[in-house]
Protein backbone atom coordinates (compact mmCIF):
# COMPACT_ATOMS: atom_id res chain seq x y z
CA UNK A 1 0.03 -0.03 -0.07
CA UNK A 2 2.85 2.34 0.83
CA UNK A 3 4.49 1.74 -2.57
CA UNK A 4 1.21 2.50 -4.32
CA UNK A 5 0.90 5.79 -2.57
CA UNK A 6 4.51 6.75 -3.19
CA UNK A 7 4.19 5.85 -6.87
CA UNK A 8 0.95 7.86 -7.18
CA UNK A 9 2.53 10.86 -5.43
CA UNK A 10 5.64 10.69 -7.58
CA UNK A 11 3.57 10.36 -10.75
CA UNK A 12 1.48 13.33 -9.82
CA UNK A 13 4.58 15.53 -9.08
CA UNK A 14 6.30 14.37 -12.20
CA UNK A 15 3.31 15.14 -14.48
CA UNK A 16 2.44 18.48 -12.94
CA UNK A 17 6.16 19.58 -12.99
CA UNK A 18 7.12 18.56 -16.48
CA UNK A 19 3.79 19.17 -18.31
CA UNK A 20 3.62 22.32 -20.42
CA UNK A 21 0.78 24.29 -21.79
CA UNK A 22 0.82 25.08 -25.42
CA UNK A 23 -0.09 28.60 -26.43
CA UNK A 24 -0.87 28.89 -30.20
CA UNK A 25 0.73 31.91 -31.80
CA UNK A 26 0.11 33.70 -35.08
CA UNK A 27 2.91 33.72 -37.59
CA UNK A 28 3.30 37.49 -37.53
CA UNK A 29 3.58 37.38 -33.65
CA UNK A 30 6.06 34.53 -33.88
CA UNK A 31 8.16 36.52 -36.36
CA UNK A 32 8.22 39.59 -34.13
CA UNK A 33 9.19 37.70 -31.14
CA UNK A 34 12.03 35.87 -32.96
CA UNK A 35 13.28 39.15 -34.36
CA UNK A 36 13.44 40.68 -30.94
CA UNK A 37 15.36 37.78 -29.41
CA UNK A 38 19.07 37.68 -30.01
CA UNK A 39 19.82 34.15 -28.79
CA UNK A 40 17.30 31.58 -29.90
CA UNK A 41 17.02 27.88 -30.32
CA UNK A 42 14.14 26.14 -32.20
CA UNK A 43 13.85 22.45 -31.66
CA UNK A 44 12.03 20.62 -34.42
CA UNK A 45 10.60 17.41 -32.99
CA UNK A 46 8.78 16.25 -36.09
CA UNK A 47 9.49 13.00 -37.95
CA UNK A 48 11.90 13.05 -40.96
CA UNK A 49 8.88 12.65 -43.22
CA UNK A 50 7.25 15.70 -41.70
CA UNK A 51 10.48 17.68 -41.97
CA UNK A 52 10.69 16.83 -45.73
CA UNK A 53 7.19 18.26 -46.22
CA UNK A 54 8.44 21.74 -45.12
CA UNK A 55 10.84 23.36 -42.79
CA UNK A 56 12.52 26.70 -42.04
CA UNK A 57 15.42 27.74 -44.33
CA UNK A 58 18.76 26.57 -42.89
CA UNK A 59 17.21 23.94 -40.71
């Protein structure tokens, strides 16, 4: 019983700590934000097939 409670508590903490909320953004707003940021990293997590369908120049 103690293991179940610990596992449940750990799972809850892990999920609430590492889950992120996605905020959709218009392309124009994204371009403005990227232009205003000197250091930036964009991580593309799509599959290779999705990448071939279209990607940013220089990616």
